[in-house]
Amino acid sequence: MDRTRSIVRPYAWTGGRTETAYDLPLEALISTNRATLARIGTRMTHDHRSVSELCLATRSVAEVAALLSLPLGVARVVLGDMASAGMVTVHKAKSSAGDQPDLTMMERVLIGLRNL
């Protein structure tokens, strides 16, 4: 998505919507493949094609937003719409301990933050 030349506000790209059918946390991984691109290529807008080509390598929602210079809310709506249309696949991270956070990992993150 070439946003440097666009004067359209981000909310206009999503039709003013701020939500989508998919719950997309920042860390959710998004991917697509060349077969999917070939199959649905004619239905894609230029923006969808840009996202799809970026997601040939699996990326997080946050990465997609950053790499395309999109606000996170806009990226979530665009990616959710694309997932609903079968243009991308959403891979949600699974917790190894059910819904409980990994305390060891949280401690390591906290130590790392304190060391900054």
PDB file of N, CA and C in Angstrom:
ATOM      1  N   MET A   1       0.849  -1.172   0.000  1.00  0.00           N
ATOM      2  CA  MET A   1       0.000   0.000   0.000  1.00  0.00           C
ATOM      3  C   MET A   1       0.891   1.229   0.000  1.00  0.00           C
ATOM      4  N   ASP A   2       0.824   1.981  -1.017  1.00  0.00           N
ATOM      5  CA  ASP A   2       1.664   3.159  -1.113  1.00  0.00           C
ATOM      6  C   ASP A   2       0.936   4.322  -0.461  1.00  0.00           C
ATOM      7  N   ARG A   3       1.188   4.516   0.820  1.00  0.00           N
ATOM      8  CA  ARG A   3       0.475   5.541   1.579  1.00  0.00           C
ATOM      9  C   ARG A   3       1.121   6.912   1.440  1.00  0.00           C
ATOM     10  N   THR A   4       2.345   6.980   0.907  1.00  0.00           N
ATOM     11  CA  THR A   4       2.998   8.273   0.790  1.00  0.00           C
ATOM     12  C   THR A   4       2.289   9.164  -0.215  1.00  0.00           C
ATOM     13  N   ARG A   5       1.645   8.596  -1.203  1.00  0.00           N
ATOM     14  CA  ARG A   5       0.950   9.381  -2.222  1.00  0.00           C
ATOM     15  C   ARG A   5      -0.541   9.499  -1.935  1.00  0.00           C
ATOM     16  N   SER A   6      -1.015   8.844  -0.921  1.00  0.00           N
ATOM     17  CA  SER A   6      -2.447   8.826  -0.657  1.00  0.00           C
ATOM     18  C   SER A   6      -2.850   9.976   0.257  1.00  0.00           C
ATOM     19  N   ILE A   7      -3.942  10.629  -0.085  1.00  0.00           N
ATOM     20  CA  ILE A   7      -4.482  11.662   0.786  1.00  0.00           C
ATOM     21  C   ILE A   7      -5.752  11.169   1.469  1.00  0.00           C
ATOM     22  N   VAL A   8      -6.063   9.896   1.293  1.00  0.00           N
ATOM     23  CA  VAL A   8      -7.255   9.302   1.889  1.00  0.00           C
ATOM     24  C   VAL A   8      -6.955   8.966   3.343  1.00  0.00           C
ATOM     25  N   ARG A   9      -7.840   9.334   4.225  1.00  0.00           N
ATOM     26  CA  ARG A   9      -7.679   9.030   5.642  1.00  0.00           C
ATOM     27  C   ARG A   9      -7.822   7.530   5.875  1.00  0.00           C
ATOM     28  N   PRO A  10      -7.077   6.977   6.851  1.00  0.00           N
ATOM     29  CA  PRO A  10      -7.134   5.535   7.089  1.00  0.00           C
ATOM     30  C   PRO A  10      -8.540   4.988   7.315  1.00  0.00           C
ATOM     31  N   TYR A  11      -9.396   5.724   8.025  1.00  0.00           N
ATOM     32  CA  TYR A  11     -10.742   5.203   8.280  1.00  0.00           C
ATOM     33  C   TYR A  11     -11.529   5.026   6.987  1.00  0.00           C
ATOM     34  N   ALA A  12     -11.172   5.765   5.950  1.00  0.00           N
ATOM     35  CA  ALA A  12     -11.867   5.625   4.667  1.00  0.00           C
ATOM     36  C   ALA A  12     -11.509   4.308   3.993  1.00  0.00           C
ATOM     37  N   TRP A  13     -10.295   3.800   4.234  1.00  0.00           N
ATOM     38  CA  TRP A  13      -9.881   2.534   3.629  1.00  0.00           C
ATOM     39  C   TRP A  13     -10.674   1.371   4.196  1.00  0.00           C
ATOM     40  N   THR A  14     -11.209   1.541   5.403  1.00  0.00           N
ATOM     41  CA  THR A  14     -11.979   0.471   6.038  1.00  0.00           C
ATOM     42  C   THR A  14     -13.471   0.770   6.019  1.00  0.00           C
ATOM     43  N   GLY A  15     -13.865   1.803   5.309  1.00  0.00           N
ATOM     44  CA  GLY A  15     -15.275   2.175   5.271  1.00  0.00           C
ATOM     45  C   GLY A  15     -15.762   2.699   6.609  1.00  0.00           C
ATOM     46  N   GLY A  16     -14.853   3.225   7.414  1.00  0.00           N
ATOM     47  CA  GLY A  16     -15.203   3.742   8.727  1.00  0.00           C
ATOM     48  C   GLY A  16     -15.314   2.677   9.803  1.00  0.00           C
ATOM     49  N   ARG A  17     -15.133   1.411   9.418  1.00  0.00           N
ATOM     50  CA  ARG A  17     -15.251   0.324  10.395  1.00  0.00           C
ATOM     51  C   ARG A  17     -14.004   0.239  11.270  1.00  0.00           C
ATOM     52  N   THR A  18     -14.219  -0.151  12.511  1.00  0.00           N
ATOM     53  CA  THR A  18     -13.102  -0.328  13.437  1.00  0.00           C
ATOM     54  C   THR A  18     -13.009  -1.755  13.950  1.00  0.00           C
ATOM     55  N   GLU A  19     -13.945  -2.600  13.538  1.00  0.00           N
ATOM     56  CA  GLU A  19     -13.952  -3.991  13.993  1.00  0.00           C
ATOM     57  C   GLU A  19     -14.137  -4.922  12.808  1.00  0.00           C
ATOM     58  N   THR A  20     -13.766  -6.174  13.026  1.00  0.00           N
ATOM     59  CA  THR A  20     -13.891  -7.198  12.002  1.00  0.00           C
ATOM     60  C   THR A  20     -14.367  -8.486  12.657  1.00  0.00           C
ATOM     61  N   ALA A  21     -14.718  -9.463  11.862  1.00  0.00           N
ATOM     62  CA  ALA A  21     -15.211 -10.737  12.393  1.00  0.00           C
ATOM     63  C   ALA A  21     -14.106 -11.520  13.096  1.00  0.00           C
ATOM     64  N   TYR A  22     -12.863 -11.206  12.796  1.00  0.00           N
ATOM     65  CA  TYR A  22     -11.736 -11.919  13.394  1.00  0.00           C
ATOM     66  C   TYR A  22     -11.189 -11.160  14.588  1.00  0.00           C
ATOM     67  N   ASP A  23     -10.884 -11.895  15.650  1.00  0.00           N
ATOM     68  CA  ASP A  23     -10.185 -11.322  16.793  1.00  0.00           C
ATOM     69  C   ASP A  23      -8.699 -11.421  16.465  1.00  0.00           C
ATOM     70  N   LEU A  24      -8.084 -10.314  16.153  1.00  0.00           N
ATOM     71  CA  LEU A  24      -6.688 -10.324  15.727  1.00  0.00           C
ATOM     72  C   LEU A  24      -5.798  -9.608  16.741  1.00  0.00           C
ATOM     73  N   PRO A  25      -5.231 -10.366  17.675  1.00  0.00           N
ATOM     74  CA  PRO A  25      -4.268  -9.740  18.581  1.00  0.00           C
ATOM     75  C   PRO A  25      -3.017  -9.333  17.805  1.00  0.00           C
ATOM     76  N   LEU A  26      -2.234  -8.445  18.363  1.00  0.00           N
ATOM     77  CA  LEU A  26      -1.036  -7.945  17.686  1.00  0.00           C
ATOM     78  C   LEU A  26      -0.081  -9.051  17.281  1.00  0.00           C
ATOM     79  N   GLU A  27      -0.039 -10.104  18.085  1.00  0.00           N
ATOM     80  CA  GLU A  27       0.918 -11.184  17.829  1.00  0.00           C
ATOM     81  C   GLU A  27       0.378 -12.271  16.906  1.00  0.00           C
ATOM     82  N   ALA A  28      -0.887 -12.172  16.496  1.00  0.00           N
ATOM     83  CA  ALA A  28      -1.446 -13.179  15.581  1.00  0.00           C
ATOM     84  C   ALA A  28      -0.624 -13.188  14.302  1.00  0.00           C
ATOM     85  N   LEU A  29      -0.319 -14.376  13.819  1.00  0.00           N
ATOM     86  CA  LEU A  29       0.488 -14.509  12.614  1.00  0.00           C
ATOM     87  C   LEU A  29      -0.408 -14.636  11.389  1.00  0.00           C
ATOM     88  N   ILE A  30      -0.021 -13.960  10.324  1.00  0.00           N
ATOM     89  CA  ILE A  30      -0.787 -13.919   9.082  1.00  0.00           C
ATOM     90  C   ILE A  30       0.102 -14.450   7.966  1.00  0.00           C
ATOM     91  N   SER A  31      -0.474 -15.303   7.115  1.00  0.00           N
ATOM     92  CA  SER A  31       0.300 -15.804   5.978  1.00  0.00           C
ATOM     93  C   SER A  31      -0.608 -16.014   4.780  1.00  0.00           C
ATOM     94  N   THR A  32       0.021 -16.164   3.645  1.00  0.00           N
ATOM     95  CA  THR A  32      -0.652 -16.559   2.418  1.00  0.00           C
ATOM     96  C   THR A  32       0.372 -17.319   1.589  1.00  0.00           C
ATOM     97  N   ASN A  33      -0.046 -17.800   0.439  1.00  0.00           N
ATOM     98  CA  ASN A  33       0.898 -18.509  -0.430  1.00  0.00           C
ATOM     99  C   ASN A  33       0.603 -18.158  -1.883  1.00  0.00           C
ATOM    100  N   ARG A  34       1.526 -18.530  -2.744  1.00  0.00           N
ATOM    101  CA  ARG A  34       1.395 -18.165  -4.163  1.00  0.00           C
ATOM    102  C   ARG A  34       0.156 -18.797  -4.806  1.00  0.00           C
ATOM    103  N   ALA A  35      -0.219 -19.998  -4.376  1.00  0.00           N
ATOM    104  CA  ALA A  35      -1.411 -20.647  -4.934  1.00  0.00           C
ATOM    105  C   ALA A  35      -2.662 -19.825  -4.620  1.00  0.00           C
ATOM    106  N   THR A  36      -2.743 -19.314  -3.402  1.00  0.00           N
ATOM    107  CA  THR A  36      -3.877 -18.470  -3.023  1.00  0.00           C
ATOM    108  C   THR A  36      -3.869 -17.185  -3.837  1.00  0.00           C
ATOM    109  N   LEU A  37      -2.698 -16.589  -3.994  1.00  0.00           N
ATOM    110  CA  LEU A  37      -2.598 -15.367  -4.802  1.00  0.00           C
ATOM    111  C   LEU A  37      -3.080 -15.608  -6.225  1.00  0.00           C
ATOM    112  N   ALA A  38      -2.681 -16.733  -6.807  1.00  0.00           N
ATOM    113  CA  ALA A  38      -3.086 -17.045  -8.183  1.00  0.00           C
ATOM    114  C   ALA A  38      -4.588 -17.306  -8.270  1.00  0.00           C
ATOM    115  N   ARG A  39      -5.132 -18.000  -7.255  1.00  0.00           N
ATOM    116  CA  ARG A  39      -6.547 -18.379  -7.265  1.00  0.00           C
ATOM    117  C   ARG A  39      -7.465 -17.170  -7.143  1.00  0.00           C
ATOM    118  N   ILE A  40      -7.113 -16.226  -6.301  1.00  0.00           N
ATOM    119  CA  ILE A  40      -8.023 -15.100  -6.045  1.00  0.00           C
ATOM    120  C   ILE A  40      -7.462 -13.767  -6.522  1.00  0.00           C
ATOM    121  N   GLY A  41      -6.415 -13.820  -7.305  1.00  0.00           N
ATOM    122  CA  GLY A  41      -5.749 -12.602  -7.753  1.00  0.00           C
ATOM    123  C   GLY A  41      -6.653 -11.587  -8.420  1.00  0.00           C
ATOM    124  N   THR A  42      -7.627 -12.031  -9.175  1.00  0.00           N
ATOM    125  CA  THR A  42      -8.496 -11.092  -9.889  1.00  0.00           C
ATOM    126  C   THR A  42      -9.467 -10.376  -8.956  1.00  0.00           C
ATOM    127  N   ARG A  43      -9.730 -10.947  -7.783  1.00  0.00           N
ATOM    128  CA  ARG A  43     -10.648 -10.321  -6.820  1.00  0.00           C
ATOM    129  C   ARG A  43      -9.941  -9.342  -5.898  1.00  0.00           C
ATOM    130  N   MET A  44      -8.628  -9.280  -5.973  1.00  0.00           N
ATOM    131  CA  MET A  44      -7.864  -8.450  -5.046  1.00  0.00           C
ATOM    132  C   MET A  44      -7.737  -7.015  -5.535  1.00  0.00           C
ATOM    133  N   THR A  45      -7.818  -6.105  -4.587  1.00  0.00           N
ATOM    134  CA  THR A  45      -7.483  -4.716  -4.888  1.00  0.00           C
ATOM    135  C   THR A  45      -5.962  -4.593  -4.845  1.00  0.00           C
ATOM    136  N   HIS A  46      -5.457  -3.467  -5.258  1.00  0.00           N
ATOM    137  CA  HIS A  46      -4.010  -3.226  -5.197  1.00  0.00           C
ATOM    138  C   HIS A  46      -3.517  -3.339  -3.752  1.00  0.00           C
ATOM    139  N   ASP A  47      -4.297  -2.784  -2.816  1.00  0.00           N
ATOM    140  CA  ASP A  47      -3.916  -2.842  -1.403  1.00  0.00           C
ATOM    141  C   ASP A  47      -3.889  -4.273  -0.890  1.00  0.00           C
ATOM    142  N   HIS A  48      -4.891  -5.070  -1.260  1.00  0.00           N
ATOM    143  CA  HIS A  48      -4.921  -6.470  -0.833  1.00  0.00           C
ATOM    144  C   HIS A  48      -3.727  -7.230  -1.396  1.00  0.00           C
ATOM    145  N   ARG A  49      -3.379  -6.947  -2.628  1.00  0.00           N
ATOM    146  CA  ARG A  49      -2.224  -7.617  -3.239  1.00  0.00           C
ATOM    147  C   ARG A  49      -0.940  -7.254  -2.485  1.00  0.00           C
ATOM    148  N   SER A  50      -0.800  -5.994  -2.095  1.00  0.00           N
ATOM    149  CA  SER A  50       0.382  -5.569  -1.336  1.00  0.00           C
ATOM    150  C   SER A  50       0.488  -6.328  -0.021  1.00  0.00           C
ATOM    151  N   VAL A  51      -0.634  -6.453   0.684  1.00  0.00           N
ATOM    152  CA  VAL A  51      -0.648  -7.192   1.949  1.00  0.00           C
ATOM    153  C   VAL A  51      -0.327  -8.660   1.697  1.00  0.00           C
ATOM    154  N   SER A  52      -0.944  -9.248   0.693  1.00  0.00           N
ATOM    155  CA  SER A  52      -0.727 -10.666   0.399  1.00  0.00           C
ATOM    156  C   SER A  52       0.722 -10.956   0.045  1.00  0.00           C
ATOM    157  N   GLU A  53       1.316 -10.111  -0.765  1.00  0.00           N
ATOM    158  CA  GLU A  53       2.716 -10.325  -1.135  1.00  0.00           C
ATOM    159  C   GLU A  53       3.625 -10.192   0.076  1.00  0.00           C
ATOM    160  N   LEU A  54       3.304  -9.268   0.967  1.00  0.00           N
ATOM    161  CA  LEU A  54       4.069  -9.113   2.200  1.00  0.00           C
ATOM    162  C   LEU A  54       3.939 -10.358   3.074  1.00  0.00           C
ATOM    163  N   CYS A  55       2.747 -10.963   3.070  1.00  0.00           N
ATOM    164  CA  CYS A  55       2.472 -12.114   3.936  1.00  0.00           C
ATOM    165  C   CYS A  55       2.869 -13.450   3.309  1.00  0.00           C
ATOM    166  N   LEU A  56       3.584 -13.428   2.184  1.00  0.00           N
ATOM    167  CA  LEU A  56       4.155 -14.680   1.675  1.00  0.00           C
ATOM    168  C   LEU A  56       5.143 -15.219   2.700  1.00  0.00           C
ATOM    169  N   ALA A  57       5.778 -14.314   3.430  1.00  0.00           N
ATOM    170  CA  ALA A  57       6.552 -14.683   4.619  1.00  0.00           C
ATOM    171  C   ALA A  57       5.626 -14.396   5.799  1.00  0.00           C
ATOM    172  N   THR A  58       5.432 -15.355   6.669  1.00  0.00           N
ATOM    173  CA  THR A  58       4.504 -15.190   7.788  1.00  0.00           C
ATOM    174  C   THR A  58       4.888 -13.968   8.613  1.00  0.00           C
ATOM    175  N   ARG A  59       3.909 -13.130   8.895  1.00  0.00           N
ATOM    176  CA  ARG A  59       4.123 -11.882   9.634  1.00  0.00           C
ATOM    177  C   ARG A  59       3.064 -11.731  10.715  1.00  0.00           C
ATOM    178  N   SER A  60       3.401 -10.999  11.761  1.00  0.00           N
ATOM    179  CA  SER A  60       2.410 -10.682  12.785  1.00  0.00           C
ATOM    180  C   SER A  60       1.576  -9.492  12.309  1.00  0.00           C
ATOM    181  N   VAL A  61       0.435  -9.310  12.944  1.00  0.00           N
ATOM    182  CA  VAL A  61      -0.425  -8.162  12.629  1.00  0.00           C
ATOM    183  C   VAL A  61       0.364  -6.868  12.824  1.00  0.00           C
ATOM    184  N   ALA A  62       1.124  -6.799  13.913  1.00  0.00           N
ATOM    185  CA  ALA A  62       1.915  -5.598  14.197  1.00  0.00           C
ATOM    186  C   ALA A  62       2.954  -5.347  13.108  1.00  0.00           C
ATOM    187  N   GLU A  63       3.596  -6.403  12.619  1.00  0.00           N
ATOM    188  CA  GLU A  63       4.585  -6.251  11.543  1.00  0.00           C
ATOM    189  C   GLU A  63       3.939  -5.722  10.268  1.00  0.00           C
ATOM    190  N   VAL A  64       2.797  -6.288   9.914  1.00  0.00           N
ATOM    191  CA  VAL A  64       2.102  -5.847   8.702  1.00  0.00           C
ATOM    192  C   VAL A  64       1.771  -4.363   8.814  1.00  0.00           C
ATOM    193  N   ALA A  65       1.243  -3.962   9.966  1.00  0.00           N
ATOM    194  CA  ALA A  65       0.898  -2.553  10.166  1.00  0.00           C
ATOM    195  C   ALA A  65       2.136  -1.669  10.034  1.00  0.00           C
ATOM    196  N   ALA A  66       3.223  -2.070  10.676  1.00  0.00           N
ATOM    197  CA  ALA A  66       4.442  -1.257  10.646  1.00  0.00           C
ATOM    198  C   ALA A  66       5.047  -1.195   9.248  1.00  0.00           C
ATOM    199  N   LEU A  67       5.138  -2.337   8.580  1.00  0.00           N
ATOM    200  CA  LEU A  67       5.770  -2.373   7.258  1.00  0.00           C
ATOM    201  C   LEU A  67       4.976  -1.622   6.195  1.00  0.00           C
ATOM    202  N   LEU A  68       3.663  -1.534   6.390  1.00  0.00           N
ATOM    203  CA  LEU A  68       2.823  -0.818   5.426  1.00  0.00           C
ATOM    204  C   LEU A  68       2.442   0.584   5.906  1.00  0.00           C
ATOM    205  N   SER A  69       3.012   0.991   7.048  1.00  0.00           N
ATOM    206  CA  SER A  69       2.733   2.316   7.627  1.00  0.00           C
ATOM    207  C   SER A  69       1.243   2.545   7.841  1.00  0.00           C
ATOM    208  N   LEU A  70       0.582   1.521   8.377  1.00  0.00           N
ATOM    209  CA  LEU A  70      -0.849   1.602   8.671  1.00  0.00           C
ATOM    210  C   LEU A  70      -1.069   1.687  10.174  1.00  0.00           C
ATOM    211  N   PRO A  71      -2.074   2.417  10.620  1.00  0.00           N
ATOM    212  CA  PRO A  71      -2.456   2.338  12.028  1.00  0.00           C
ATOM    213  C   PRO A  71      -2.893   0.900  12.339  1.00  0.00           C
ATOM    214  N   LEU A  72      -2.640   0.442  13.565  1.00  0.00           N
ATOM    215  CA  LEU A  72      -2.981  -0.939  13.927  1.00  0.00           C
ATOM    216  C   LEU A  72      -4.449  -1.257  13.702  1.00  0.00           C
ATOM    217  N   GLY A  73      -5.334  -0.341  14.052  1.00  0.00           N
ATOM    218  CA  GLY A  73      -6.763  -0.592  13.866  1.00  0.00           C
ATOM    219  C   GLY A  73      -7.126  -0.822  12.410  1.00  0.00           C
ATOM    220  N   VAL A  74      -6.534  -0.048  11.527  1.00  0.00           N
ATOM    221  CA  VAL A  74      -6.785  -0.207  10.094  1.00  0.00           C
ATOM    222  C   VAL A  74      -6.240  -1.548   9.623  1.00  0.00           C
ATOM    223  N   ALA A  75      -5.025  -1.888  10.052  1.00  0.00           N
ATOM    224  CA  ALA A  75      -4.427  -3.169   9.657  1.00  0.00           C
ATOM    225  C   ALA A  75      -5.292  -4.333  10.119  1.00  0.00           C
ATOM    226  N   ARG A  76      -5.816  -4.256  11.343  1.00  0.00           N
ATOM    227  CA  ARG A  76      -6.673  -5.337  11.850  1.00  0.00           C
ATOM    228  C   ARG A  76      -7.921  -5.505  10.991  1.00  0.00           C
ATOM    229  N   VAL A  77      -8.555  -4.402  10.617  1.00  0.00           N
ATOM    230  CA  VAL A  77      -9.770  -4.482   9.801  1.00  0.00           C
ATOM    231  C   VAL A  77      -9.448  -5.033   8.416  1.00  0.00           C
ATOM    232  N   VAL A  78      -8.396  -4.522   7.786  1.00  0.00           N
ATOM    233  CA  VAL A  78      -8.020  -4.991   6.449  1.00  0.00           C
ATOM    234  C   VAL A  78      -7.672  -6.476   6.492  1.00  0.00           C
ATOM    235  N   LEU A  79      -6.859  -6.889   7.470  1.00  0.00           N
ATOM    236  CA  LEU A  79      -6.477  -8.299   7.581  1.00  0.00           C
ATOM    237  C   LEU A  79      -7.676  -9.181   7.919  1.00  0.00           C
ATOM    238  N   GLY A  80      -8.572  -8.696   8.767  1.00  0.00           N
ATOM    239  CA  GLY A  80      -9.780  -9.452   9.089  1.00  0.00           C
ATOM    240  C   GLY A  80     -10.663  -9.655   7.875  1.00  0.00           C
ATOM    241  N   ASP A  81     -10.819  -8.609   7.076  1.00  0.00           N
ATOM    242  CA  ASP A  81     -11.597  -8.720   5.835  1.00  0.00           C
ATOM    243  C   ASP A  81     -10.952  -9.717   4.880  1.00  0.00           C
ATOM    244  N   MET A  82      -9.635  -9.649   4.787  1.00  0.00           N
ATOM    245  CA  MET A  82      -8.924 -10.563   3.892  1.00  0.00           C
ATOM    246  C   MET A  82      -9.030 -12.003   4.379  1.00  0.00           C
ATOM    247  N   ALA A  83      -8.989 -12.201   5.692  1.00  0.00           N
ATOM    248  CA  ALA A  83      -9.141 -13.551   6.242  1.00  0.00           C
ATOM    249  C   ALA A  83     -10.545 -14.077   5.958  1.00  0.00           C
ATOM    250  N   SER A  84     -11.555 -13.228   6.110  1.00  0.00           N
ATOM    251  CA  SER A  84     -12.935 -13.637   5.820  1.00  0.00           C
ATOM    252  C   SER A  84     -13.111 -14.029   4.361  1.00  0.00           C
ATOM    253  N   ALA A  85     -12.374 -13.373   3.473  1.00  0.00           N
ATOM    254  CA  ALA A  85     -12.472 -13.652   2.038  1.00  0.00           C
ATOM    255  C   ALA A  85     -11.552 -14.788   1.596  1.00  0.00           C
ATOM    256  N   GLY A  86     -10.797 -15.358   2.537  1.00  0.00           N
ATOM    257  CA  GLY A  86      -9.896 -16.460   2.200  1.00  0.00           C
ATOM    258  C   GLY A  86      -8.610 -16.024   1.525  1.00  0.00           C
ATOM    259  N   MET A  87      -8.279 -14.752   1.627  1.00  0.00           N
ATOM    260  CA  MET A  87      -7.067 -14.233   0.992  1.00  0.00           C
ATOM    261  C   MET A  87      -5.817 -14.469   1.827  1.00  0.00           C
ATOM    262  N   VAL A  88      -5.984 -14.530   3.145  1.00  0.00           N
ATOM    263  CA  VAL A  88      -4.872 -14.804   4.053  1.00  0.00           C
ATOM    264  C   VAL A  88      -5.336 -15.808   5.098  1.00  0.00           C
ATOM    265  N   THR A  89      -4.371 -16.418   5.753  1.00  0.00           N
ATOM    266  CA  THR A  89      -4.652 -17.364   6.832  1.00  0.00           C
ATOM    267  C   THR A  89      -4.173 -16.758   8.141  1.00  0.00           C
ATOM    268  N   VAL A  90      -4.996 -16.868   9.181  1.00  0.00           N
ATOM    269  CA  VAL A  90      -4.640 -16.368  10.505  1.00  0.00           C
ATOM    270  C   VAL A  90      -4.201 -17.549  11.356  1.00  0.00           C
ATOM    271  N   HIS A  91      -3.011 -17.452  11.933  1.00  0.00           N
ATOM    272  CA  HIS A  91      -2.470 -18.483  12.820  1.00  0.00           C
ATOM    273  C   HIS A  91      -2.390 -17.877  14.211  1.00  0.00           C
ATOM    274  N   LYS A  92      -3.197 -18.365  15.119  1.00  0.00           N
ATOM    275  CA  LYS A  92      -3.168 -17.826  16.473  1.00  0.00           C
ATOM    276  C   LYS A  92      -2.185 -18.625  17.315  1.00  0.00           C
ATOM    277  N   ALA A  93      -1.427 -17.909  18.134  1.00  0.00           N
ATOM    278  CA  ALA A  93      -0.449 -18.550  19.004  1.00  0.00           C
ATOM    279  C   ALA A  93      -1.176 -19.363  20.064  1.00  0.00           C
ATOM    280  N   LYS A  94      -0.630 -20.525  20.335  1.00  0.00           N
ATOM    281  CA  LYS A  94      -1.209 -21.379  21.364  1.00  0.00           C
ATOM    282  C   LYS A  94      -0.334 -21.330  22.599  1.00  0.00           C
ATOM    283  N   SER A  95      -0.964 -21.175  23.735  1.00  0.00           N
ATOM    284  CA  SER A  95      -0.231 -21.157  24.992  1.00  0.00           C
ATOM    285  C   SER A  95       0.089 -22.580  25.403  1.00  0.00           C
ATOM    286  N   SER A  96       1.304 -22.803  25.845  1.00  0.00           N
ATOM    287  CA  SER A  96       1.698 -24.151  26.252  1.00  0.00           C
ATOM    288  C   SER A  96       1.099 -24.533  27.594  1.00  0.00           C
ATOM    289  N   ALA A  97       0.653 -23.559  28.355  1.00  0.00           N
ATOM    290  CA  ALA A  97       0.100 -23.837  29.681  1.00  0.00           C
ATOM    291  C   ALA A  97      -1.375 -23.458  29.742  1.00  0.00           C
ATOM    292  N   GLY A  98      -2.111 -23.709  28.690  1.00  0.00           N
ATOM    293  CA  GLY A  98      -3.519 -23.330  28.674  1.00  0.00           C
ATOM    294  C   GLY A  98      -3.643 -21.828  28.559  1.00  0.00           C
ATOM    295  N   ASP A  99      -4.521 -21.247  29.353  1.00  0.00           N
ATOM    296  CA  ASP A  99      -4.704 -19.800  29.320  1.00  0.00           C
ATOM    297  C   ASP A  99      -3.814 -19.064  30.306  1.00  0.00           C
ATOM    298  N   GLN A 100      -3.029 -19.792  31.071  1.00  0.00           N
ATOM    299  CA  GLN A 100      -2.153 -19.177  32.061  1.00  0.00           C
ATOM    300  C   GLN A 100      -0.883 -18.655  31.397  1.00  0.00           C
ATOM    301  N   PRO A 101      -0.454 -17.459  31.751  1.00  0.00           N
ATOM    302  CA  PRO A 101       0.785 -16.931  31.173  1.00  0.00           C
ATOM    303  C   PRO A 101       1.994 -17.705  31.689  1.00  0.00           C
ATOM    304  N   ASP A 102       3.031 -17.768  30.895  1.00  0.00           N
ATOM    305  CA  ASP A 102       4.271 -18.428  31.277  1.00  0.00           C
ATOM    306  C   ASP A 102       5.044 -17.460  32.171  1.00  0.00           C
ATOM    307  N   LEU A 103       5.081 -17.744  33.478  1.00  0.00           N
ATOM    308  CA  LEU A 103       5.712 -16.832  34.431  1.00  0.00           C
ATOM    309  C   LEU A 103       7.204 -16.690  34.186  1.00  0.00           C
ATOM    310  N   THR A 104       7.861 -17.754  33.764  1.00  0.00           N
ATOM    311  CA  THR A 104       9.291 -17.675  33.479  1.00  0.00           C
ATOM    312  C   THR A 104       9.545 -16.682  32.351  1.00  0.00           C
ATOM    313  N   MET A 105       8.743 -16.765  31.315  1.00  0.00           N
ATOM    314  CA  MET A 105       8.892 -15.835  30.193  1.00  0.00           C
ATOM    315  C   MET A 105       8.606 -14.410  30.633  1.00  0.00           C
ATOM    316  N   MET A 106       7.571 -14.223  31.447  1.00  0.00           N
ATOM    317  CA  MET A 106       7.237 -12.884  31.922  1.00  0.00           C
ATOM    318  C   MET A 106       8.366 -12.303  32.765  1.00  0.00           C
ATOM    319  N   GLU A 107       9.003 -13.144  33.585  1.00  0.00           N
ATOM    320  CA  GLU A 107      10.132 -12.681  34.393  1.00  0.00           C
ATOM    321  C   GLU A 107      11.305 -12.278  33.506  1.00  0.00           C
ATOM    322  N   ARG A 108      11.569 -13.051  32.454  1.00  0.00           N
ATOM    323  CA  ARG A 108      12.663 -12.724  31.539  1.00  0.00           C
ATOM    324  C   ARG A 108      12.395 -11.403  30.826  1.00  0.00           C
ATOM    325  N   VAL A 109      11.148 -11.184  30.426  1.00  0.00           N
ATOM    326  CA  VAL A 109      10.784  -9.927  29.773  1.00  0.00           C
ATOM    327  C   VAL A 109      10.958  -8.765  30.741  1.00  0.00           C
ATOM    328  N   LEU A 110      10.513  -8.938  31.977  1.00  0.00           N
ATOM    329  CA  LEU A 110      10.635  -7.886  32.982  1.00  0.00           C
ATOM    330  C   LEU A 110      12.098  -7.542  33.240  1.00  0.00           C
ATOM    331  N   ILE A 111      12.938  -8.550  33.359  1.00  0.00           N
ATOM    332  CA  ILE A 111      14.376  -8.320  33.558  1.00  0.00           C
ATOM    333  C   ILE A 111      14.951  -7.568  32.361  1.00  0.00           C
ATOM    334  N   GLY A 112      14.560  -7.986  31.162  1.00  0.00           N
ATOM    335  CA  GLY A 112      15.036  -7.302  29.960  1.00  0.00           C
ATOM    336  C   GLY A 112      14.610  -5.849  29.917  1.00  0.00           C
ATOM    337  N   LEU A 113      13.368  -5.571  30.313  1.00  0.00           N
ATOM    338  CA  LEU A 113      12.887  -4.191  30.334  1.00  0.00           C
ATOM    339  C   LEU A 113      13.634  -3.356  31.361  1.00  0.00           C
ATOM    340  N   ARG A 114      13.914  -3.944  32.505  1.00  0.00           N
ATOM    341  CA  ARG A 114      14.658  -3.217  33.542  1.00  0.00           C
ATOM    342  C   ARG A 114      16.084  -2.916  33.095  1.00  0.00           C
ATOM    343  N   ASN A 115      16.635  -3.765  32.251  1.00  0.00           N
ATOM    344  CA  ASN A 115      18.007  -3.572  31.780  1.00  0.00           C
ATOM    345  C   ASN A 115      18.117  -2.534  30.670  1.00  0.00           C
ATOM    346  N   LEU A 116      16.995  -2.062  30.160  1.00  0.00           N
ATOM    347  CA  LEU A 116      17.043  -1.066  29.074  1.00  0.00           C
ATOM    348  C   LEU A 116      17.548   0.275  29.550  1.00  0.00           C
TER     349      LEU A 116
END
